[in-house]
Amino acid sequence: MTILTPTEIYLALDGNSSVLPIDVKEGIKPPSSGLVSSKFLDLQTGLPVFYNAAIVVATLVFVILIIIGGVRYLASAGNEQGTEQAKRLILSAVIGLALVLGTWAILLFVFQLTGYHFGS
């Protein structure tokens, strides 16, 4: 840990030193490297990244559920109970996928109407 002298703090706050990662006019400067991406430093860029990631993950989950339902349907081999369970799983996954994609489409439409650029 570096202990700064009052002179170094004054020079950093005055903008004449690069000792502190702060500039009074610009605010706190993001680190040039590290674990935190600069995309997550503010809500306007962090929210779209999070939202798009959530859409991708949810879509993948529902597609995997549809595939599992198809495999269960084929594996039921005429067993009515197994066939019904597989059909319910496929139907639920398709409804979930439609809801996720519908939400994405509606929000994209609303953001275009309001002039908000969602994403990079």
PDB file of N, CA and C in Angstrom:
ATOM      1  N   MET A   1       0.845  -1.171   0.000  1.00  0.00           N
ATOM      2  CA  MET A   1       0.000   0.000   0.000  1.00  0.00           C
ATOM      3  C   MET A   1       0.889   1.232   0.000  1.00  0.00           C
ATOM      4  N   THR A   2       0.610   2.172  -0.881  1.00  0.00           N
ATOM      5  CA  THR A   2       1.390   3.394  -0.992  1.00  0.00           C
ATOM      6  C   THR A   2       0.723   4.490  -0.181  1.00  0.00           C
ATOM      7  N   ILE A   3       1.530   5.139   0.652  1.00  0.00           N
ATOM      8  CA  ILE A   3       1.024   6.273   1.430  1.00  0.00           C
ATOM      9  C   ILE A   3       1.474   7.538   0.729  1.00  0.00           C
ATOM     10  N   LEU A   4       0.517   8.394   0.408  1.00  0.00           N
ATOM     11  CA  LEU A   4       0.813   9.617  -0.321  1.00  0.00           C
ATOM     12  C   LEU A   4       1.011  10.774   0.641  1.00  0.00           C
ATOM     13  N   THR A   5       1.882  11.659   0.259  1.00  0.00           N
ATOM     14  CA  THR A   5       2.092  12.864   1.060  1.00  0.00           C
ATOM     15  C   THR A   5       1.018  13.878   0.700  1.00  0.00           C
ATOM     16  N   PRO A   6       0.791  14.861   1.565  1.00  0.00           N
ATOM     17  CA  PRO A   6      -0.199  15.908   1.227  1.00  0.00           C
ATOM     18  C   PRO A   6       0.118  16.615  -0.075  1.00  0.00           C
ATOM     19  N   THR A   7       1.387  16.792  -0.405  1.00  0.00           N
ATOM     20  CA  THR A   7       1.756  17.449  -1.657  1.00  0.00           C
ATOM     21  C   THR A   7       1.339  16.601  -2.855  1.00  0.00           C
ATOM     22  N   GLU A   8       1.563  15.278  -2.785  1.00  0.00           N
ATOM     23  CA  GLU A   8       1.163  14.389  -3.879  1.00  0.00           C
ATOM     24  C   GLU A   8      -0.348  14.364  -4.048  1.00  0.00           C
ATOM     25  N   ILE A   9      -1.085  14.383  -2.942  1.00  0.00           N
ATOM     26  CA  ILE A   9      -2.552  14.421  -3.024  1.00  0.00           C
ATOM     27  C   ILE A   9      -3.005  15.728  -3.660  1.00  0.00           C
ATOM     28  N   TYR A  10      -2.398  16.858  -3.242  1.00  0.00           N
ATOM     29  CA  TYR A  10      -2.768  18.151  -3.815  1.00  0.00           C
ATOM     30  C   TYR A  10      -2.481  18.173  -5.316  1.00  0.00           C
ATOM     31  N   LEU A  11      -1.299  17.669  -5.730  1.00  0.00           N
ATOM     32  CA  LEU A  11      -0.962  17.657  -7.150  1.00  0.00           C
ATOM     33  C   LEU A  11      -1.889  16.755  -7.943  1.00  0.00           C
ATOM     34  N   ALA A  12      -2.283  15.631  -7.355  1.00  0.00           N
ATOM     35  CA  ALA A  12      -3.197  14.717  -8.043  1.00  0.00           C
ATOM     36  C   ALA A  12      -4.567  15.344  -8.207  1.00  0.00           C
ATOM     37  N   LEU A  13      -5.052  16.017  -7.163  1.00  0.00           N
ATOM     38  CA  LEU A  13      -6.361  16.654  -7.250  1.00  0.00           C
ATOM     39  C   LEU A  13      -6.340  17.869  -8.157  1.00  0.00           C
ATOM     40  N   ASP A  14      -5.170  18.490  -8.280  1.00  0.00           N
ATOM     41  CA  ASP A  14      -5.029  19.659  -9.145  1.00  0.00           C
ATOM     42  C   ASP A  14      -4.891  19.240 -10.610  1.00  0.00           C
ATOM     43  N   GLY A  15      -4.650  17.955 -10.856  1.00  0.00           N
ATOM     44  CA  GLY A  15      -4.523  17.473 -12.226  1.00  0.00           C
ATOM     45  C   GLY A  15      -3.113  17.509 -12.745  1.00  0.00           C
ATOM     46  N   ASN A  16      -2.137  17.823 -11.895  1.00  0.00           N
ATOM     47  CA  ASN A  16      -0.754  17.939 -12.334  1.00  0.00           C
ATOM     48  C   ASN A  16       0.075  16.701 -12.024  1.00  0.00           C
ATOM     49  N   SER A  17      -0.566  15.637 -11.570  1.00  0.00           N
ATOM     50  CA  SER A  17       0.180  14.435 -11.226  1.00  0.00           C
ATOM     51  C   SER A  17      -0.626  13.214 -11.632  1.00  0.00           C
ATOM     52  N   SER A  18       0.083  12.149 -11.914  1.00  0.00           N
ATOM     53  CA  SER A  18      -0.604  10.906 -12.247  1.00  0.00           C
ATOM     54  C   SER A  18      -0.508   9.906 -11.105  1.00  0.00           C
ATOM     55  N   VAL A  19      -0.319  10.411  -9.884  1.00  0.00           N
ATOM     56  CA  VAL A  19      -0.169   9.542  -8.724  1.00  0.00           C
ATOM     57  C   VAL A  19      -1.483   8.840  -8.398  1.00  0.00           C
ATOM     58  N   LEU A  20      -2.581   9.573  -8.405  1.00  0.00           N
ATOM     59  CA  LEU A  20      -3.889   8.991  -8.114  1.00  0.00           C
ATOM     60  C   LEU A  20      -4.660   8.778  -9.409  1.00  0.00           C
ATOM     61  N   PRO A  21      -5.485   7.750  -9.466  1.00  0.00           N
ATOM     62  CA  PRO A  21      -6.288   7.534 -10.683  1.00  0.00           C
ATOM     63  C   PRO A  21      -7.559   8.380 -10.669  1.00  0.00           C
ATOM     64  N   ILE A  22      -7.442   9.637 -10.281  1.00  0.00           N
ATOM     65  CA  ILE A  22      -8.622  10.504 -10.206  1.00  0.00           C
ATOM     66  C   ILE A  22      -8.296  11.844 -10.832  1.00  0.00           C
ATOM     67  N   ASP A  23      -9.238  12.384 -11.521  1.00  0.00           N
ATOM     68  CA  ASP A  23      -9.161  13.717 -12.066  1.00  0.00           C
ATOM     69  C   ASP A  23     -10.459  14.402 -11.681  1.00  0.00           C
ATOM     70  N   VAL A  24     -10.362  15.564 -11.060  1.00  0.00           N
ATOM     71  CA  VAL A  24     -11.553  16.240 -10.548  1.00  0.00           C
ATOM     72  C   VAL A  24     -12.534  16.534 -11.673  1.00  0.00           C
ATOM     73  N   LYS A  25     -12.044  16.863 -12.852  1.00  0.00           N
ATOM     74  CA  LYS A  25     -12.924  17.209 -13.963  1.00  0.00           C
ATOM     75  C   LYS A  25     -13.534  15.976 -14.617  1.00  0.00           C
ATOM     76  N   GLU A  26     -12.795  14.864 -14.666  1.00  0.00           N
ATOM     77  CA  GLU A  26     -13.260  13.680 -15.367  1.00  0.00           C
ATOM     78  C   GLU A  26     -13.788  12.590 -14.445  1.00  0.00           C
ATOM     79  N   GLY A  27     -13.537  12.663 -13.160  1.00  0.00           N
ATOM     80  CA  GLY A  27     -13.976  11.626 -12.243  1.00  0.00           C
ATOM     81  C   GLY A  27     -12.952  10.521 -12.134  1.00  0.00           C
ATOM     82  N   ILE A  28     -13.344   9.403 -11.584  1.00  0.00           N
ATOM     83  CA  ILE A  28     -12.427   8.293 -11.383  1.00  0.00           C
ATOM     84  C   ILE A  28     -12.147   7.618 -12.716  1.00  0.00           C
ATOM     85  N   LYS A  29     -10.894   7.400 -12.993  1.00  0.00           N
ATOM     86  CA  LYS A  29     -10.501   6.745 -14.237  1.00  0.00           C
ATOM     87  C   LYS A  29     -10.566   5.236 -14.053  1.00  0.00           C
ATOM     88  N   PRO A  30     -11.092   4.500 -15.034  1.00  0.00           N
ATOM     89  CA  PRO A  30     -11.127   3.038 -14.917  1.00  0.00           C
ATOM     90  C   PRO A  30      -9.730   2.459 -15.030  1.00  0.00           C
ATOM     91  N   PRO A  31      -9.492   1.323 -14.394  1.00  0.00           N
ATOM     92  CA  PRO A  31      -8.182   0.692 -14.521  1.00  0.00           C
ATOM     93  C   PRO A  31      -7.955   0.232 -15.952  1.00  0.00           C
ATOM     94  N   SER A  32      -6.705   0.297 -16.395  1.00  0.00           N
ATOM     95  CA  SER A  32      -6.408  -0.076 -17.776  1.00  0.00           C
ATOM     96  C   SER A  32      -6.476  -1.578 -17.983  1.00  0.00           C
ATOM     97  N   SER A  33      -6.255  -2.335 -16.930  1.00  0.00           N
ATOM     98  CA  SER A  33      -6.374  -3.782 -17.044  1.00  0.00           C
ATOM     99  C   SER A  33      -6.887  -4.325 -15.721  1.00  0.00           C
ATOM    100  N   GLY A  34      -7.462  -5.494 -15.774  1.00  0.00           N
ATOM    101  CA  GLY A  34      -7.968  -6.085 -14.550  1.00  0.00           C
ATOM    102  C   GLY A  34      -9.140  -6.989 -14.826  1.00  0.00           C
ATOM    103  N   LEU A  35      -9.820  -7.373 -13.767  1.00  0.00           N
ATOM    104  CA  LEU A  35     -10.927  -8.304 -13.890  1.00  0.00           C
ATOM    105  C   LEU A  35     -12.214  -7.637 -14.333  1.00  0.00           C
ATOM    106  N   VAL A  36     -12.367  -6.342 -14.060  1.00  0.00           N
ATOM    107  CA  VAL A  36     -13.609  -5.643 -14.382  1.00  0.00           C
ATOM    108  C   VAL A  36     -13.494  -5.042 -15.764  1.00  0.00           C
ATOM    109  N   SER A  37     -14.430  -5.388 -16.628  1.00  0.00           N
ATOM    110  CA  SER A  37     -14.451  -4.835 -17.972  1.00  0.00           C
ATOM    111  C   SER A  37     -14.976  -3.413 -17.926  1.00  0.00           C
ATOM    112  N   SER A  38     -14.481  -2.569 -18.818  1.00  0.00           N
ATOM    113  CA  SER A  38     -14.951  -1.186 -18.855  1.00  0.00           C
ATOM    114  C   SER A  38     -16.395  -1.095 -19.330  1.00  0.00           C
ATOM    115  N   LYS A  39     -16.962  -2.186 -19.890  1.00  0.00           N
ATOM    116  CA  LYS A  39     -18.354  -2.163 -20.332  1.00  0.00           C
ATOM    117  C   LYS A  39     -19.328  -2.107 -19.152  1.00  0.00           C
ATOM    118  N   PHE A  40     -18.874  -2.502 -17.961  1.00  0.00           N
ATOM    119  CA  PHE A  40     -19.766  -2.566 -16.818  1.00  0.00           C
ATOM    120  C   PHE A  40     -19.642  -1.344 -15.905  1.00  0.00           C
ATOM    121  N   LEU A  41     -18.942  -0.300 -16.335  1.00  0.00           N
ATOM    122  CA  LEU A  41     -18.715   0.831 -15.457  1.00  0.00           C
ATOM    123  C   LEU A  41     -19.911   1.773 -15.361  1.00  0.00           C
ATOM    124  N   ASP A  42     -20.812   1.750 -16.307  1.00  0.00           N
ATOM    125  CA  ASP A  42     -22.004   2.576 -16.180  1.00  0.00           C
ATOM    126  C   ASP A  42     -23.223   1.776 -16.622  1.00  0.00           C
ATOM    127  N   LEU A  43     -24.386   2.261 -16.235  1.00  0.00           N
ATOM    128  CA  LEU A  43     -25.628   1.531 -16.475  1.00  0.00           C
ATOM    129  C   LEU A  43     -25.986   1.461 -17.948  1.00  0.00           C
ATOM    130  N   GLN A  44     -25.670   2.511 -18.698  1.00  0.00           N
ATOM    131  CA  GLN A  44     -26.073   2.550 -20.104  1.00  0.00           C
ATOM    132  C   GLN A  44     -25.369   1.482 -20.934  1.00  0.00           C
ATOM    133  N   THR A  45     -24.149   1.133 -20.590  1.00  0.00           N
ATOM    134  CA  THR A  45     -23.466   0.076 -21.336  1.00  0.00           C
ATOM    135  C   THR A  45     -23.506  -1.252 -20.594  1.00  0.00           C
ATOM    136  N   GLY A  46     -23.593  -1.224 -19.277  1.00  0.00           N
ATOM    137  CA  GLY A  46     -23.619  -2.463 -18.498  1.00  0.00           C
ATOM    138  C   GLY A  46     -24.927  -3.210 -18.622  1.00  0.00           C
ATOM    139  N   LEU A  47     -26.039  -2.487 -18.638  1.00  0.00           N
ATOM    140  CA  LEU A  47     -27.351  -3.119 -18.734  1.00  0.00           C
ATOM    141  C   LEU A  47     -27.545  -3.887 -20.039  1.00  0.00           C
ATOM    142  N   PRO A  48     -27.206  -3.302 -21.185  1.00  0.00           N
ATOM    143  CA  PRO A  48     -27.359  -4.075 -22.427  1.00  0.00           C
ATOM    144  C   PRO A  48     -26.490  -5.329 -22.465  1.00  0.00           C
ATOM    145  N   VAL A  49     -25.286  -5.252 -21.926  1.00  0.00           N
ATOM    146  CA  VAL A  49     -24.413  -6.421 -21.916  1.00  0.00           C
ATOM    147  C   VAL A  49     -25.038  -7.521 -21.064  1.00  0.00           C
ATOM    148  N   PHE A  50     -25.536  -7.151 -19.883  1.00  0.00           N
ATOM    149  CA  PHE A  50     -26.182  -8.124 -19.000  1.00  0.00           C
ATOM    150  C   PHE A  50     -27.446  -8.688 -19.646  1.00  0.00           C
ATOM    151  N   TYR A  51     -28.273  -7.821 -20.235  1.00  0.00           N
ATOM    152  CA  TYR A  51     -29.529  -8.248 -20.843  1.00  0.00           C
ATOM    153  C   TYR A  51     -29.280  -9.197 -22.013  1.00  0.00           C
ATOM    154  N   ASN A  52     -28.329  -8.846 -22.878  1.00  0.00           N
ATOM    155  CA  ASN A  52     -28.027  -9.709 -24.029  1.00  0.00           C
ATOM    156  C   ASN A  52     -27.480 -11.058 -23.574  1.00  0.00           C
ATOM    157  N   ALA A  53     -26.654 -11.056 -22.533  1.00  0.00           N
ATOM    158  CA  ALA A  53     -26.128 -12.314 -22.011  1.00  0.00           C
ATOM    159  C   ALA A  53     -27.260 -13.172 -21.440  1.00  0.00           C
ATOM    160  N   ALA A  54     -28.196 -12.544 -20.737  1.00  0.00           N
ATOM    161  CA  ALA A  54     -29.326 -13.283 -20.164  1.00  0.00           C
ATOM    162  C   ALA A  54     -30.203 -13.872 -21.271  1.00  0.00           C
ATOM    163  N   ILE A  55     -30.411 -13.133 -22.343  1.00  0.00           N
ATOM    164  CA  ILE A  55     -31.202 -13.631 -23.474  1.00  0.00           C
ATOM    165  C   ILE A  55     -30.517 -14.845 -24.105  1.00  0.00           C
ATOM    166  N   VAL A  56     -29.215 -14.774 -24.292  1.00  0.00           N
ATOM    167  CA  VAL A  56     -28.477 -15.884 -24.899  1.00  0.00           C
ATOM    168  C   VAL A  56     -28.549 -17.123 -24.003  1.00  0.00           C
ATOM    169  N   VAL A  57     -28.333 -16.938 -22.702  1.00  0.00           N
ATOM    170  CA  VAL A  57     -28.369 -18.076 -21.774  1.00  0.00           C
ATOM    171  C   VAL A  57     -29.768 -18.697 -21.742  1.00  0.00           C
ATOM    172  N   ALA A  58     -30.804 -17.866 -21.642  1.00  0.00           N
ATOM    173  CA  ALA A  58     -32.177 -18.390 -21.598  1.00  0.00           C
ATOM    174  C   ALA A  58     -32.525 -19.119 -22.890  1.00  0.00           C
ATOM    175  N   THR A  59     -32.114 -18.581 -24.027  1.00  0.00           N
ATOM    176  CA  THR A  59     -32.380 -19.232 -25.305  1.00  0.00           C
ATOM    177  C   THR A  59     -31.696 -20.596 -25.378  1.00  0.00           C
ATOM    178  N   LEU A  60     -30.446 -20.644 -24.934  1.00  0.00           N
ATOM    179  CA  LEU A  60     -29.732 -21.920 -24.940  1.00  0.00           C
ATOM    180  C   LEU A  60     -30.401 -22.942 -24.020  1.00  0.00           C
ATOM    181  N   VAL A  61     -30.863 -22.502 -22.856  1.00  0.00           N
ATOM    182  CA  VAL A  61     -31.532 -23.413 -21.922  1.00  0.00           C
ATOM    183  C   VAL A  61     -32.791 -23.992 -22.556  1.00  0.00           C
ATOM    184  N   PHE A  62     -33.600 -23.145 -23.188  1.00  0.00           N
ATOM    185  CA  PHE A  62     -34.846 -23.632 -23.781  1.00  0.00           C
ATOM    186  C   PHE A  62     -34.597 -24.525 -24.990  1.00  0.00           C
ATOM    187  N   VAL A  63     -33.576 -24.231 -25.777  1.00  0.00           N
ATOM    188  CA  VAL A  63     -33.248 -25.098 -26.915  1.00  0.00           C
ATOM    189  C   VAL A  63     -32.783 -26.456 -26.402  1.00  0.00           C
ATOM    190  N   ILE A  64     -31.979 -26.462 -25.350  1.00  0.00           N
ATOM    191  CA  ILE A  64     -31.536 -27.735 -24.762  1.00  0.00           C
ATOM    192  C   ILE A  64     -32.730 -28.513 -24.218  1.00  0.00           C
ATOM    193  N   LEU A  65     -33.685 -27.822 -23.589  1.00  0.00           N
ATOM    194  CA  LEU A  65     -34.884 -28.503 -23.097  1.00  0.00           C
ATOM    195  C   LEU A  65     -35.714 -29.095 -24.231  1.00  0.00           C
ATOM    196  N   ILE A  66     -35.779 -28.394 -25.354  1.00  0.00           N
ATOM    197  CA  ILE A  66     -36.495 -28.936 -26.511  1.00  0.00           C
ATOM    198  C   ILE A  66     -35.797 -30.204 -27.015  1.00  0.00           C
ATOM    199  N   ILE A  67     -34.486 -30.184 -27.064  1.00  0.00           N
ATOM    200  CA  ILE A  67     -33.736 -31.367 -27.501  1.00  0.00           C
ATOM    201  C   ILE A  67     -33.947 -32.524 -26.525  1.00  0.00           C
ATOM    202  N   ILE A  68     -33.891 -32.231 -25.213  1.00  0.00           N
ATOM    203  CA  ILE A  68     -34.125 -33.280 -24.213  1.00  0.00           C
ATOM    204  C   ILE A  68     -35.529 -33.850 -24.359  1.00  0.00           C
ATOM    205  N   GLY A  69     -36.516 -32.986 -24.580  1.00  0.00           N
ATOM    206  CA  GLY A  69     -37.887 -33.454 -24.782  1.00  0.00           C
ATOM    207  C   GLY A  69     -38.008 -34.338 -26.007  1.00  0.00           C
ATOM    208  N   GLY A  70     -37.308 -33.986 -27.088  1.00  0.00           N
ATOM    209  CA  GLY A  70     -37.325 -34.812 -28.293  1.00  0.00           C
ATOM    210  C   GLY A  70     -36.702 -36.176 -28.062  1.00  0.00           C
ATOM    211  N   VAL A  71     -35.594 -36.194 -27.320  1.00  0.00           N
ATOM    212  CA  VAL A  71     -34.943 -37.473 -27.022  1.00  0.00           C
ATOM    213  C   VAL A  71     -35.849 -38.330 -26.139  1.00  0.00           C
ATOM    214  N   ARG A  72     -36.494 -37.694 -25.153  1.00  0.00           N
ATOM    215  CA  ARG A  72     -37.419 -38.440 -24.284  1.00  0.00           C
ATOM    216  C   ARG A  72     -38.609 -38.975 -25.085  1.00  0.00           C
ATOM    217  N   TYR A  73     -39.077 -38.185 -26.046  1.00  0.00           N
ATOM    218  CA  TYR A  73     -40.201 -38.626 -26.882  1.00  0.00           C
ATOM    219  C   TYR A  73     -39.810 -39.850 -27.694  1.00  0.00           C
ATOM    220  N   LEU A  74     -38.622 -39.809 -28.256  1.00  0.00           N
ATOM    221  CA  LEU A  74     -38.153 -40.952 -29.038  1.00  0.00           C
ATOM    222  C   LEU A  74     -37.881 -42.156 -28.154  1.00  0.00           C
ATOM    223  N   ALA A  75     -37.371 -41.911 -26.958  1.00  0.00           N
ATOM    224  CA  ALA A  75     -37.018 -43.008 -26.059  1.00  0.00           C
ATOM    225  C   ALA A  75     -38.230 -43.628 -25.376  1.00  0.00           C
ATOM    226  N   SER A  76     -39.364 -42.935 -25.395  1.00  0.00           N
ATOM    227  CA  SER A  76     -40.552 -43.479 -24.728  1.00  0.00           C
ATOM    228  C   SER A  76     -41.086 -44.709 -25.458  1.00  0.00           C
ATOM    229  N   ALA A  77     -40.821 -44.811 -26.730  1.00  0.00           N
ATOM    230  CA  ALA A  77     -41.147 -45.992 -27.532  1.00  0.00           C
ATOM    231  C   ALA A  77     -42.582 -46.461 -27.351  1.00  0.00           C
ATOM    232  N   GLY A  78     -43.524 -45.532 -27.439  1.00  0.00           N
ATOM    233  CA  GLY A  78     -44.924 -45.909 -27.370  1.00  0.00           C
ATOM    234  C   GLY A  78     -45.523 -45.878 -25.978  1.00  0.00           C
ATOM    235  N   ASN A  79     -44.724 -45.692 -24.951  1.00  0.00           N
ATOM    236  CA  ASN A  79     -45.242 -45.583 -23.588  1.00  0.00           C
ATOM    237  C   ASN A  79     -46.012 -44.267 -23.479  1.00  0.00           C
ATOM    238  N   GLU A  80     -47.318 -44.354 -23.215  1.00  0.00           N
ATOM    239  CA  GLU A  80     -48.160 -43.150 -23.212  1.00  0.00           C
ATOM    240  C   GLU A  80     -47.726 -42.134 -22.166  1.00  0.00           C
ATOM    241  N   GLN A  81     -47.392 -42.585 -20.987  1.00  0.00           N
ATOM    242  CA  GLN A  81     -47.000 -41.663 -19.921  1.00  0.00           C
ATOM    243  C   GLN A  81     -45.703 -40.929 -20.296  1.00  0.00           C
ATOM    244  N   GLY A  82     -44.728 -41.655 -20.813  1.00  0.00           N
ATOM    245  CA  GLY A  82     -43.465 -41.044 -21.237  1.00  0.00           C
ATOM    246  C   GLY A  82     -43.654 -40.087 -22.397  1.00  0.00           C
ATOM    247  N   THR A  83     -44.534 -40.470 -23.331  1.00  0.00           N
ATOM    248  CA  THR A  83     -44.815 -39.609 -24.474  1.00  0.00           C
ATOM    249  C   THR A  83     -45.476 -38.312 -24.031  1.00  0.00           C
ATOM    250  N   GLU A  84     -46.424 -38.393 -23.118  1.00  0.00           N
ATOM    251  CA  GLU A  84     -47.101 -37.189 -22.620  1.00  0.00           C
ATOM    252  C   GLU A  84     -46.141 -36.273 -21.871  1.00  0.00           C
ATOM    253  N   GLN A  85     -45.277 -36.859 -21.051  1.00  0.00           N
ATOM    254  CA  GLN A  85     -44.295 -36.042 -20.328  1.00  0.00           C
ATOM    255  C   GLN A  85     -43.350 -35.339 -21.296  1.00  0.00           C
ATOM    256  N   ALA A  86     -42.917 -36.036 -22.326  1.00  0.00           N
ATOM    257  CA  ALA A  86     -42.027 -35.443 -23.321  1.00  0.00           C
ATOM    258  C   ALA A  86     -42.735 -34.321 -24.087  1.00  0.00           C
ATOM    259  N   LYS A  87     -44.002 -34.544 -24.440  1.00  0.00           N
ATOM    260  CA  LYS A  87     -44.769 -33.504 -25.137  1.00  0.00           C
ATOM    261  C   LYS A  87     -44.931 -32.269 -24.267  1.00  0.00           C
ATOM    262  N   ARG A  88     -45.213 -32.474 -22.961  1.00  0.00           N
ATOM    263  CA  ARG A  88     -45.353 -31.332 -22.046  1.00  0.00           C
ATOM    264  C   ARG A  88     -44.035 -30.563 -21.907  1.00  0.00           C
ATOM    265  N   LEU A  89     -42.918 -31.298 -21.853  1.00  0.00           N
ATOM    266  CA  LEU A  89     -41.615 -30.646 -21.757  1.00  0.00           C
ATOM    267  C   LEU A  89     -41.323 -29.833 -23.007  1.00  0.00           C
ATOM    268  N   ILE A  90     -41.588 -30.397 -24.165  1.00  0.00           N
ATOM    269  CA  ILE A  90     -41.357 -29.670 -25.420  1.00  0.00           C
ATOM    270  C   ILE A  90     -42.252 -28.445 -25.499  1.00  0.00           C
ATOM    271  N   LEU A  91     -43.535 -28.599 -25.152  1.00  0.00           N
ATOM    272  CA  LEU A  91     -44.465 -27.475 -25.202  1.00  0.00           C
ATOM    273  C   LEU A  91     -44.039 -26.374 -24.237  1.00  0.00           C
ATOM    274  N   SER A  92     -43.651 -26.748 -23.027  1.00  0.00           N
ATOM    275  CA  SER A  92     -43.208 -25.750 -22.041  1.00  0.00           C
ATOM    276  C   SER A  92     -41.952 -25.026 -22.515  1.00  0.00           C
ATOM    277  N   ALA A  93     -41.021 -25.764 -23.101  1.00  0.00           N
ATOM    278  CA  ALA A  93     -39.789 -25.151 -23.588  1.00  0.00           C
ATOM    279  C   ALA A  93     -40.065 -24.209 -24.762  1.00  0.00           C
ATOM    280  N   VAL A  94     -40.973 -24.597 -25.644  1.00  0.00           N
ATOM    281  CA  VAL A  94     -41.317 -23.730 -26.774  1.00  0.00           C
ATOM    282  C   VAL A  94     -42.002 -22.459 -26.281  1.00  0.00           C
ATOM    283  N   ILE A  95     -42.891 -22.578 -25.297  1.00  0.00           N
ATOM    284  CA  ILE A  95     -43.552 -21.397 -24.732  1.00  0.00           C
ATOM    285  C   ILE A  95     -42.517 -20.489 -24.064  1.00  0.00           C
ATOM    286  N   GLY A  96     -41.604 -21.067 -23.301  1.00  0.00           N
ATOM    287  CA  GLY A  96     -40.550 -20.281 -22.662  1.00  0.00           C
ATOM    288  C   GLY A  96     -39.665 -19.582 -23.670  1.00  0.00           C
ATOM    289  N   LEU A  97     -39.290 -20.285 -24.724  1.00  0.00           N
ATOM    290  CA  LEU A  97     -38.473 -19.686 -25.775  1.00  0.00           C
ATOM    291  C   LEU A  97     -39.222 -18.552 -26.470  1.00  0.00           C
ATOM    292  N   ALA A  98     -40.517 -18.745 -26.716  1.00  0.00           N
ATOM    293  CA  ALA A  98     -41.318 -17.691 -27.341  1.00  0.00           C
ATOM    294  C   ALA A  98     -41.405 -16.465 -26.435  1.00  0.00           C
ATOM    295  N   LEU A  99     -41.548 -16.680 -25.137  1.00  0.00           N
ATOM    296  CA  LEU A  99     -41.589 -15.553 -24.194  1.00  0.00           C
ATOM    297  C   LEU A  99     -40.268 -14.789 -24.168  1.00  0.00           C
ATOM    298  N   VAL A 100     -39.163 -15.516 -24.156  1.00  0.00           N
ATOM    299  CA  VAL A 100     -37.849 -14.861 -24.125  1.00  0.00           C
ATOM    300  C   VAL A 100     -37.621 -14.061 -25.399  1.00  0.00           C
ATOM    301  N   LEU A 101     -37.879 -14.672 -26.547  1.00  0.00           N
ATOM    302  CA  LEU A 101     -37.666 -13.974 -27.814  1.00  0.00           C
ATOM    303  C   LEU A 101     -38.668 -12.836 -28.010  1.00  0.00           C
ATOM    304  N   GLY A 102     -39.897 -13.027 -27.525  1.00  0.00           N
ATOM    305  CA  GLY A 102     -40.892 -11.951 -27.589  1.00  0.00           C
ATOM    306  C   GLY A 102     -40.498 -10.762 -26.729  1.00  0.00           C
ATOM    307  N   THR A 103     -39.978 -11.032 -25.542  1.00  0.00           N
ATOM    308  CA  THR A 103     -39.508  -9.953 -24.669  1.00  0.00           C
ATOM    309  C   THR A 103     -38.368  -9.199 -25.324  1.00  0.00           C
ATOM    310  N   TRP A 104     -37.441  -9.935 -25.913  1.00  0.00           N
ATOM    311  CA  TRP A 104     -36.320  -9.298 -26.598  1.00  0.00           C
ATOM    312  C   TRP A 104     -36.812  -8.411 -27.745  1.00  0.00           C
ATOM    313  N   ALA A 105     -37.751  -8.914 -28.537  1.00  0.00           N
ATOM    314  CA  ALA A 105     -38.258  -8.151 -29.681  1.00  0.00           C
ATOM    315  C   ALA A 105     -39.014  -6.905 -29.231  1.00  0.00           C
ATOM    316  N   ILE A 106     -39.835  -7.039 -28.189  1.00  0.00           N
ATOM    317  CA  ILE A 106     -40.609  -5.890 -27.697  1.00  0.00           C
ATOM    318  C   ILE A 106     -39.679  -4.817 -27.142  1.00  0.00           C
ATOM    319  N   LEU A 107     -38.695  -5.217 -26.327  1.00  0.00           N
ATOM    320  CA  LEU A 107     -37.771  -4.223 -25.777  1.00  0.00           C
ATOM    321  C   LEU A 107     -36.929  -3.572 -26.864  1.00  0.00           C
ATOM    322  N   LEU A 108     -36.519  -4.333 -27.848  1.00  0.00           N
ATOM    323  CA  LEU A 108     -35.765  -3.761 -28.957  1.00  0.00           C
ATOM    324  C   LEU A 108     -36.610  -2.730 -29.708  1.00  0.00           C
ATOM    325  N   PHE A 109     -37.889  -3.049 -29.933  1.00  0.00           N
ATOM    326  CA  PHE A 109     -38.804  -2.125 -30.611  1.00  0.00           C
ATOM    327  C   PHE A 109     -39.013  -0.853 -29.793  1.00  0.00           C
ATOM    328  N   VAL A 110     -39.234  -1.006 -28.483  1.00  0.00           N
ATOM    329  CA  VAL A 110     -39.446   0.157 -27.614  1.00  0.00           C
ATOM    330  C   VAL A 110     -38.197   1.030 -27.576  1.00  0.00           C
ATOM    331  N   PHE A 111     -37.033   0.412 -27.494  1.00  0.00           N
ATOM    332  CA  PHE A 111     -35.794   1.192 -27.453  1.00  0.00           C
ATOM    333  C   PHE A 111     -35.553   1.922 -28.767  1.00  0.00           C
ATOM    334  N   GLN A 112     -35.937   1.327 -29.893  1.00  0.00           N
ATOM    335  CA  GLN A 112     -35.783   2.018 -31.171  1.00  0.00           C
ATOM    336  C   GLN A 112     -36.756   3.188 -31.281  1.00  0.00           C
ATOM    337  N   LEU A 113     -37.964   3.032 -30.729  1.00  0.00           N
ATOM    338  CA  LEU A 113     -38.939   4.131 -30.744  1.00  0.00           C
ATOM    339  C   LEU A 113     -38.460   5.314 -29.900  1.00  0.00           C
ATOM    340  N   THR A 114     -37.845   5.007 -28.774  1.00  0.00           N
ATOM    341  CA  THR A 114     -37.392   6.073 -27.869  1.00  0.00           C
ATOM    342  C   THR A 114     -36.037   6.627 -28.252  1.00  0.00           C
ATOM    343  N   GLY A 115     -35.342   6.012 -29.211  1.00  0.00           N
ATOM    344  CA  GLY A 115     -34.046   6.496 -29.636  1.00  0.00           C
ATOM    345  C   GLY A 115     -32.892   6.010 -28.785  1.00  0.00           C
ATOM    346  N   TYR A 116     -33.151   5.093 -27.879  1.00  0.00           N
ATOM    347  CA  TYR A 116     -32.088   4.546 -27.037  1.00  0.00           C
ATOM    348  C   TYR A 116     -31.367   3.470 -27.818  1.00  0.00           C
ATOM    349  N   HIS A 117     -30.057   3.583 -27.907  1.00  0.00           N
ATOM    350  CA  HIS A 117     -29.254   2.581 -28.627  1.00  0.00           C
ATOM    351  C   HIS A 117     -28.864   1.501 -27.652  1.00  0.00           C
ATOM    352  N   PHE A 118     -29.488   0.350 -27.813  1.00  0.00           N
ATOM    353  CA  PHE A 118     -29.284  -0.775 -26.894  1.00  0.00           C
ATOM    354  C   PHE A 118     -28.123  -1.593 -27.390  1.00  0.00           C
ATOM    355  N   GLY A 119     -26.994  -1.484 -26.738  1.00  0.00           N
ATOM    356  CA  GLY A 119     -25.805  -2.235 -27.135  1.00  0.00           C
ATOM    357  C   GLY A 119     -24.798  -1.330 -27.769  1.00  0.00           C
ATOM    358  N   SER A 120     -23.738  -1.951 -28.262  1.00  0.00           N
ATOM    359  CA  SER A 120     -22.634  -1.169 -28.836  1.00  0.00           C
ATOM    360  C   SER A 120     -22.924  -0.792 -30.270  1.00  0.00           C
TER     361      SER A 120
END
